[in-house]
Amino acid sequence: MKKIFQTYGSLVALVILLVLNFMFMRGTFFGPENIRNIVTQNSPTGIVAVGMTLVIIGGGIDLSVGSMMVLVATLGLLALNKTGNLQTGTLGATIVTICHSRFGWSFEQIGTFIAAIVTVAGGAALGLVNGMVITSGRIAPFIVTLAGLISYRSVALALAEGGEIRSSSATVFSKIAMGGVPIPGTSNGAGGQILIYWPIVIMIVMVIWGSFILNQTKFGRRLIAVGANEQAALYSGIAVHKVKWATYSFLGLCTGIAALCQASKFNSVSTSGLGLYMELDAIAAVVIGGTSMRGGRGQVWSTLIGVLILGIITNMLVLYGVSVYWQGCVKGAIILIAVLIQRGKTE
């Protein structure tokens, strides 16, 4: 019984939360729209947490993901807004014209596609930079990513002059976050079907992809070996620096995808608010899911459960009317409890 609890502790905690909600807030909590909203609101955190899980299993950490998110989202929206204002005769204008004439894409669609590429690729590139500085400079991940936390948002603030960047796309860009798959047999307040928004679908795909990488590939086994004992992994012939490059780049990719979802949801980027504390929420989800902060042990699926636990607790506090100022205190207590349980596993 003890072994089962240690292995599936996060799942047990999730079940307990669901039972409590069923007992005390059955009608409110278990409404289809409320469940959908909980998952939707926490999808960006879940996407980032997938990459964070792999980084922490590999013995690292990344404090820069929140600032990275706002920077790549800013670059993406600037690229989107620039699409309609390209000067005739430039390479960019030529590419846009070809796409418009050959594929029948509207300028909004072309701009949205370019924004998606810039945002996601930008995240992967910044993640790779983090990994290369950590390995080549032999600097602790905490220090390197702390520098990123400070500098990335600063660049975004400078590009937007401390303000907000609004998308020039009236409808297309926002569909990335607000479009989705209808749930048969459901009805919302307006009489239409409830949608499973695309960020939820993307999060599920990323969880499956991350689990596959960790559990079904040679890279995953090498990553676990690096996190368990980096020196022993190096002596056994594993290219430790390449493993770290790939892992941080994957986290950057996840961050870029989450940034795209968030920017699309608001159809704008607030350079002072977007991604704020995202790194803390992602790390909290990883810890609650049972991944060891020492590296070498963890599962992506349990991180997803950690994300859901945080989302459900926040939702419960809101439904019970608990002040928003106390919610951070509750989350902090949950993280401490999760760490204490982890310490019990290793003793």
Protein backbone atom coordinates (compact mmCIF):
# COMPACT_ATOMS: atom_id res chain seq x y z
CA MET A 1 0.00 0.00 0.00
CA LYS A 2 2.85 2.37 0.89
CA LYS A 3 4.57 1.67 -2.44
CA ILE A 4 1.36 2.32 -4.37
CA PHE A 5 0.91 5.66 -2.58
CA GLN A 6 4.52 6.65 -3.28
CA THR A 7 4.17 5.78 -6.97
CA TYR A 8 0.68 7.16 -7.54
CA GLY A 9 0.51 9.76 -4.76
CA SER A 10 -0.37 12.64 -7.12
CA LEU A 11 -3.16 10.57 -8.69
CA VAL A 12 -4.53 9.72 -5.23
CA ALA A 13 -4.49 13.43 -4.33
CA LEU A 14 -6.38 14.26 -7.53
CA VAL A 15 -9.04 11.63 -6.78
CA ILE A 16 -9.46 12.99 -3.24
CA LEU A 17 -9.98 16.51 -4.60
CA LEU A 18 -12.59 15.27 -7.07
CA VAL A 19 -14.41 13.39 -4.31
CA LEU A 20 -14.45 16.49 -2.10
CA ASN A 21 -15.83 18.57 -4.93
CA PHE A 22 -18.45 15.91 -5.65
CA MET A 23 -19.55 16.00 -2.02
CA PHE A 24 -19.69 19.75 -1.49
CA MET A 25 -19.89 21.46 -4.92
CA ARG A 26 -21.35 18.82 -7.20
CA GLY A 27 -23.57 21.07 -9.30
CA THR A 28 -21.12 23.95 -9.63
CA PHE A 29 -17.79 22.23 -10.04
CA PHE A 30 -18.77 19.34 -12.31
CA GLY A 31 -20.51 21.48 -14.90
CA PRO A 32 -19.00 20.78 -18.35
CA GLU A 33 -18.06 24.42 -18.90
CA ASN A 34 -16.36 24.71 -15.50
CA ILE A 35 -14.30 21.56 -16.11
CA ARG A 36 -13.40 22.79 -19.60
CA ASN A 37 -12.44 26.20 -18.23
CA ILE A 38 -10.18 24.72 -15.53
CA VAL A 39 -8.26 22.68 -18.09
CA THR A 40 -8.15 25.54 -20.61
CA GLN A 41 -6.83 28.08 -18.11
CA ASN A 42 -4.04 25.73 -17.08
CA SER A 43 -3.15 24.44 -20.56
CA PRO A 44 -0.26 26.89 -21.12
CA THR A 45 1.19 25.90 -17.74
CA GLY A 46 0.76 22.24 -18.67
CA ILE A 47 2.55 22.70 -21.99
CA VAL A 48 5.51 24.44 -20.34
CA ALA A 49 5.52 21.89 -17.50
CA VAL A 50 6.07 19.04 -19.98
CA GLY A 51 9.39 20.55 -21.03
CA MET A 52 10.22 21.55 -17.45
CA THR A 53 9.76 17.93 -16.36
CA LEU A 54 12.43 16.73 -18.79
CA VAL A 55 14.81 19.51 -17.77
CA ILE A 56 14.42 18.73 -14.05
CA ILE A 57 14.76 14.97 -14.63
CA GLY A 58 18.03 15.81 -16.40
CA GLY A 59 19.27 17.60 -13.28
CA GLY A 60 18.58 21.15 -14.46
CA ILE A 61 16.04 23.91 -13.95
CA ASP A 62 14.82 26.91 -15.96
CA LEU A 63 13.64 30.09 -14.27
CA SER A 64 13.42 32.06 -17.52
CA VAL A 65 10.34 30.48 -19.13
CA GLY A 66 7.91 33.23 -18.08
CA SER A 67 10.12 36.00 -19.46
CA MET A 68 10.96 33.89 -22.50
CA MET A 69 7.24 33.51 -23.14
CA VAL A 70 6.56 37.24 -23.24
CA LEU A 71 9.60 37.92 -25.45
CA VAL A 72 8.76 35.35 -28.15
CA ALA A 73 5.07 36.34 -28.06
CA THR A 74 6.12 39.96 -28.58
CA LEU A 75 8.33 39.01 -31.53
CA GLY A 76 5.51 36.92 -32.99
CA LEU A 77 2.97 39.73 -32.84
CA LEU A 78 5.45 42.24 -34.24
CA ALA A 79 6.01 39.86 -37.18
CA LEU A 80 2.25 39.47 -37.61
CA ASN A 81 1.66 43.22 -37.62
CA LYS A 82 4.58 43.76 -39.99
CA THR A 83 3.14 41.40 -42.61
CA GLY A 84 0.58 43.86 -43.90
CA ASN A 85 3.09 46.73 -44.04
CA LEU A 86 5.93 45.16 -46.03
CA GLN A 87 7.46 47.38 -48.69
CA THR A 88 6.90 46.23 -52.25
CA GLY A 89 9.97 44.60 -53.78
CA THR A 90 11.40 43.21 -50.56
CA LEU A 91 11.91 39.47 -50.05
CA GLY A 92 9.25 39.38 -47.34
CA ALA A 93 6.69 41.12 -49.57
CA THR A 94 7.49 38.71 -52.42
CA ILE A 95 6.96 35.63 -50.20
CA VAL A 96 3.67 37.03 -48.87
CA THR A 97 2.47 37.81 -52.40
CA ILE A 98 3.31 34.27 -53.61
CA CYS A 99 1.44 32.70 -50.69
CA HIS A 100 -1.51 34.99 -51.32
CA SER A 101 -1.72 34.29 -55.04
CA ARG A 102 -0.71 30.61 -55.19
CA PHE A 103 -2.38 29.22 -52.06
CA GLY A 104 -5.23 31.67 -51.72
CA TRP A 105 -4.25 32.62 -48.17
CA SER A 106 -5.52 35.93 -46.84
CA PHE A 107 -3.00 38.37 -45.40
CA GLU A 108 -4.39 37.58 -41.94
CA GLN A 109 -3.70 33.88 -42.44
CA ILE A 110 -0.19 34.53 -43.75
CA GLY A 111 0.55 36.85 -40.84
CA THR A 112 -0.78 34.32 -38.33
CA PHE A 113 1.36 31.57 -39.85
CA ILE A 114 4.46 33.77 -39.70
CA ALA A 115 3.67 34.74 -36.09
CA ALA A 116 3.34 31.07 -35.14
CA ILE A 117 6.68 30.18 -36.73
CA VAL A 118 8.50 33.13 -35.11
CA THR A 119 7.01 32.46 -31.66
CA VAL A 120 7.61 28.70 -31.55
CA ALA A 121 11.01 28.76 -33.28
CA GLY A 122 12.07 31.71 -31.14
CA GLY A 123 11.27 29.74 -28.00
CA ALA A 124 13.28 26.73 -29.19
CA ALA A 125 16.22 29.00 -30.10
CA LEU A 126 16.27 30.74 -26.71
CA GLY A 127 16.03 27.39 -24.96
CA LEU A 128 19.02 26.18 -26.97
CA VAL A 129 20.93 29.32 -25.98
CA ASN A 130 20.22 28.57 -22.32
CA GLY A 131 21.47 25.00 -22.73
CA MET A 132 24.63 26.03 -24.58
CA VAL A 133 25.56 28.71 -22.05
CA ILE A 134 25.02 26.24 -19.18
CA THR A 135 27.19 23.54 -20.74
CA SER A 136 29.84 25.60 -22.55
CA GLY A 137 30.21 28.16 -19.77
CA ARG A 138 29.93 25.52 -17.04
CA ILE A 139 27.57 27.81 -15.16
CA ALA A 140 24.83 26.56 -12.84
CA PRO A 141 21.40 26.42 -14.56
CA PHE A 142 19.94 28.52 -11.76
CA ILE A 143 22.29 31.42 -12.56
CA VAL A 144 21.97 31.25 -16.35
CA THR A 145 18.17 31.07 -16.36
CA LEU A 146 17.90 33.71 -13.63
CA ALA A 147 19.77 36.02 -16.00
CA GLY A 148 17.27 35.05 -18.70
CA LEU A 149 14.36 35.77 -16.38
CA ILE A 150 15.65 39.31 -15.94
CA SER A 151 16.82 40.04 -19.48
CA TYR A 152 14.16 38.46 -21.72
CA ARG A 153 11.29 40.46 -20.26
CA SER A 154 13.45 43.57 -20.33
CA VAL A 155 13.91 43.14 -24.10
CA ALA A 156 10.16 42.67 -24.56
CA LEU A 157 9.45 45.81 -22.53
CA ALA A 158 11.93 47.76 -24.64
CA LEU A 159 10.40 46.54 -27.92
CA ALA A 160 6.91 47.54 -26.77
CA GLU A 161 8.10 50.64 -24.90
CA GLY A 162 6.70 49.18 -21.72
CA GLY A 163 3.19 48.81 -23.07
CA GLU A 164 0.94 46.37 -24.87
CA ILE A 165 1.17 45.08 -28.44
CA ARG A 166 -2.18 44.42 -30.10
CA SER A 167 -2.63 42.00 -32.96
CA SER A 168 -3.65 43.45 -36.32
CA SER A 169 -5.59 40.23 -37.05
CA ALA A 170 -9.29 40.70 -36.39
CA THR A 171 -10.33 37.03 -36.41
CA VAL A 172 -7.74 34.50 -37.61
CA PHE A 173 -5.03 34.79 -34.94
CA SER A 174 -7.49 34.48 -32.05
CA LYS A 175 -8.81 31.18 -33.45
CA ILE A 176 -5.61 29.43 -32.33
CA ALA A 177 -6.79 29.69 -28.73
CA MET A 178 -10.53 30.21 -29.10
CA GLY A 179 -11.26 27.62 -31.79
CA GLY A 180 -11.62 23.96 -31.02
CA VAL A 181 -13.50 20.67 -31.27
CA PRO A 182 -17.19 20.62 -30.23
CA ILE A 183 -18.24 18.14 -27.53
CA PRO A 184 -21.29 16.17 -28.72
CA GLY A 185 -24.35 16.35 -26.48
CA THR A 186 -23.28 19.50 -24.62
CA SER A 187 -24.75 22.98 -24.64
CA ASN A 188 -23.38 26.32 -23.48
CA GLY A 189 -25.31 29.39 -22.36
CA ALA A 190 -25.67 30.62 -25.94
CA GLY A 191 -27.24 27.38 -27.15
CA GLY A 192 -24.18 26.12 -29.02
CA GLN A 193 -21.97 23.13 -28.24
CA ILE A 194 -19.14 23.42 -25.73
CA LEU A 195 -15.74 23.43 -27.42
CA ILE A 196 -12.57 21.65 -26.36
CA TYR A 197 -10.26 24.52 -27.19
CA TRP A 198 -7.10 23.91 -29.21
CA PRO A 199 -4.75 24.64 -26.26
CA ILE A 200 -6.24 21.62 -24.45
CA VAL A 201 -5.61 19.43 -27.49
CA ILE A 202 -2.08 20.81 -27.83
CA MET A 203 -1.36 20.12 -24.15
CA ILE A 204 -2.51 16.51 -24.50
CA VAL A 205 -0.35 16.05 -27.61
CA MET A 206 2.68 17.52 -25.80
CA VAL A 207 2.13 15.23 -22.79
CA ILE A 208 2.01 12.19 -25.09
CA TRP A 209 5.09 13.40 -26.98
CA GLY A 210 7.03 14.13 -23.79
CA SER A 211 6.10 10.74 -22.31
CA PHE A 212 7.20 9.00 -25.49
CA ILE A 213 10.56 10.80 -25.48
CA LEU A 214 11.18 9.96 -21.84
CA ASN A 215 10.00 6.35 -21.78
CA GLN A 216 10.40 4.99 -25.31
CA THR A 217 13.61 6.49 -26.72
CA LYS A 218 17.35 6.16 -26.17
CA PHE A 219 17.44 9.89 -25.54
CA GLY A 220 15.04 9.47 -22.62
CA ARG A 221 17.21 6.80 -21.03
CA ARG A 222 20.28 8.96 -21.49
CA LEU A 223 18.46 11.93 -19.96
CA ILE A 224 17.58 9.90 -16.86
CA ALA A 225 21.19 8.71 -16.61
CA VAL A 226 22.48 12.29 -16.81
CA GLY A 227 20.06 13.42 -14.11
CA ALA A 228 20.87 10.49 -11.82
CA ASN A 229 24.67 10.86 -12.06
CA GLU A 230 26.11 13.24 -14.63
CA GLN A 231 29.72 12.18 -14.07
CA ALA A 232 28.91 8.49 -14.47
CA ALA A 233 26.90 9.26 -17.61
CA LEU A 234 29.88 11.14 -19.05
CA TYR A 235 32.23 8.23 -18.32
CA SER A 236 29.80 5.80 -19.97
CA GLY A 237 30.06 7.67 -23.26
CA ILE A 238 26.90 9.80 -23.17
CA ALA A 239 27.28 13.22 -24.81
CA VAL A 240 25.99 15.09 -21.76
CA HIS A 241 26.20 18.53 -23.34
CA LYS A 242 24.11 17.45 -26.36
CA VAL A 243 21.49 15.92 -24.08
CA LYS A 244 21.22 19.21 -22.20
CA TRP A 245 21.08 21.25 -25.41
CA ALA A 246 18.21 19.14 -26.71
CA THR A 247 16.34 19.20 -23.38
CA TYR A 248 16.50 22.98 -22.90
CA SER A 249 15.61 23.49 -26.55
CA PHE A 250 12.55 21.25 -26.10
CA LEU A 251 11.51 23.30 -23.08
CA GLY A 252 11.94 26.44 -25.18
CA LEU A 253 9.75 24.88 -27.87
CA CYS A 254 7.07 24.15 -25.26
CA THR A 255 7.35 27.72 -23.99
CA GLY A 256 6.94 29.11 -27.51
CA ILE A 257 3.80 27.03 -28.06
CA ALA A 258 2.36 28.19 -24.73
CA ALA A 259 3.23 31.80 -25.62
CA LEU A 260 1.39 31.45 -28.93
CA CYS A 261 -1.70 30.13 -27.12
CA GLN A 262 -1.66 32.96 -24.58
CA ALA A 263 -1.10 35.71 -27.15
CA SER A 264 -3.89 34.28 -29.29
CA LYS A 265 -6.27 34.10 -26.31
CA PHE A 266 -5.97 37.82 -25.62
CA ASN A 267 -5.15 38.78 -29.24
CA SER A 268 -2.45 40.94 -27.71
CA VAL A 269 0.65 40.82 -25.51
CA SER A 270 1.00 42.69 -22.23
CA THR A 271 4.75 42.87 -21.83
CA SER A 272 4.47 43.44 -18.08
CA GLY A 273 1.92 40.70 -17.38
CA LEU A 274 2.15 37.83 -19.88
CA GLY A 275 4.01 34.81 -18.49
CA LEU A 276 4.39 36.36 -15.05
CA TYR A 277 5.22 33.60 -12.50
CA MET A 278 4.84 30.94 -15.21
CA GLU A 279 8.15 29.39 -14.17
CA LEU A 280 6.89 29.00 -10.60
CA ASP A 281 3.60 27.41 -11.66
CA ALA A 282 5.39 24.99 -14.00
CA ILE A 283 7.95 23.98 -11.38
CA ALA A 284 5.18 23.61 -8.79
CA ALA A 285 3.27 21.26 -11.11
CA VAL A 286 6.41 19.18 -11.67
CA VAL A 287 7.10 18.91 -7.94
CA ILE A 288 3.50 18.09 -7.05
CA GLY A 289 3.57 15.43 -9.75
CA GLY A 290 6.38 13.70 -7.89
CA THR A 291 9.40 14.42 -10.09
CA SER A 292 12.56 14.59 -7.99
CA MET A 293 14.26 17.98 -7.90
CA ARG A 294 17.54 16.07 -7.60
CA GLY A 295 17.05 14.67 -11.10
CA GLY A 296 17.00 11.16 -12.46
CA ARG A 297 13.38 10.33 -11.61
CA GLY A 298 9.94 11.49 -12.77
CA GLN A 299 7.10 11.05 -15.23
CA VAL A 300 5.40 13.47 -17.61
CA TRP A 301 1.91 12.07 -16.96
CA SER A 302 2.28 12.79 -13.24
CA THR A 303 3.19 16.39 -14.05
CA LEU A 304 -0.12 16.69 -15.90
CA ILE A 305 -1.85 15.54 -12.72
CA GLY A 306 0.11 18.20 -10.82
CA VAL A 307 -1.18 20.85 -13.24
CA LEU A 308 -4.76 19.65 -12.75
CA ILE A 309 -4.36 19.62 -8.95
CA LEU A 310 -3.18 23.23 -8.96
CA GLY A 311 -6.01 24.23 -11.30
CA ILE A 312 -8.68 22.47 -9.25
CA ILE A 313 -7.45 23.95 -5.98
CA THR A 314 -7.47 27.45 -7.47
CA ASN A 315 -10.98 26.86 -8.80
CA MET A 316 -12.15 25.58 -5.40
CA LEU A 317 -10.75 28.65 -3.66
CA VAL A 318 -12.59 30.90 -6.11
CA LEU A 319 -15.87 29.00 -5.71
CA TYR A 320 -15.54 29.18 -1.92
CA GLY A 321 -14.92 32.91 -2.14
CA VAL A 322 -11.38 32.79 -0.72
CA SER A 323 -9.50 36.03 -1.33
CA VAL A 324 -7.09 35.94 -4.26
CA TYR A 325 -4.39 37.24 -1.92
CA TRP A 326 -4.46 33.98 0.04
CA GLN A 327 -4.31 31.66 -2.97
CA GLY A 328 -0.54 31.93 -3.32
CA CYS A 329 -0.15 30.95 0.32
CA VAL A 330 -2.19 27.80 -0.28
CA LYS A 331 -0.11 26.90 -3.35
CA GLY A 332 3.08 27.42 -1.37
CA ALA A 333 1.86 25.08 1.36
CA ILE A 334 0.99 22.43 -1.23
CA ILE A 335 4.49 22.63 -2.74
CA LEU A 336 6.10 22.20 0.68
CA ILE A 337 3.93 19.18 1.43
CA ALA A 338 4.84 17.65 -1.95
CA VAL A 339 8.55 18.14 -1.27
CA LEU A 340 8.23 16.58 2.19
CA ILE A 341 6.52 13.54 0.65
CA GLN A 342 9.35 13.29 -1.91
CA ARG A 343 11.92 13.36 0.88
CA GLY A 344 10.04 10.53 2.54
CA LYS A 345 10.40 8.47 -0.62
CA THR A 346 14.18 8.73 -0.66
CA GLU A 347 14.80 8.06 3.03
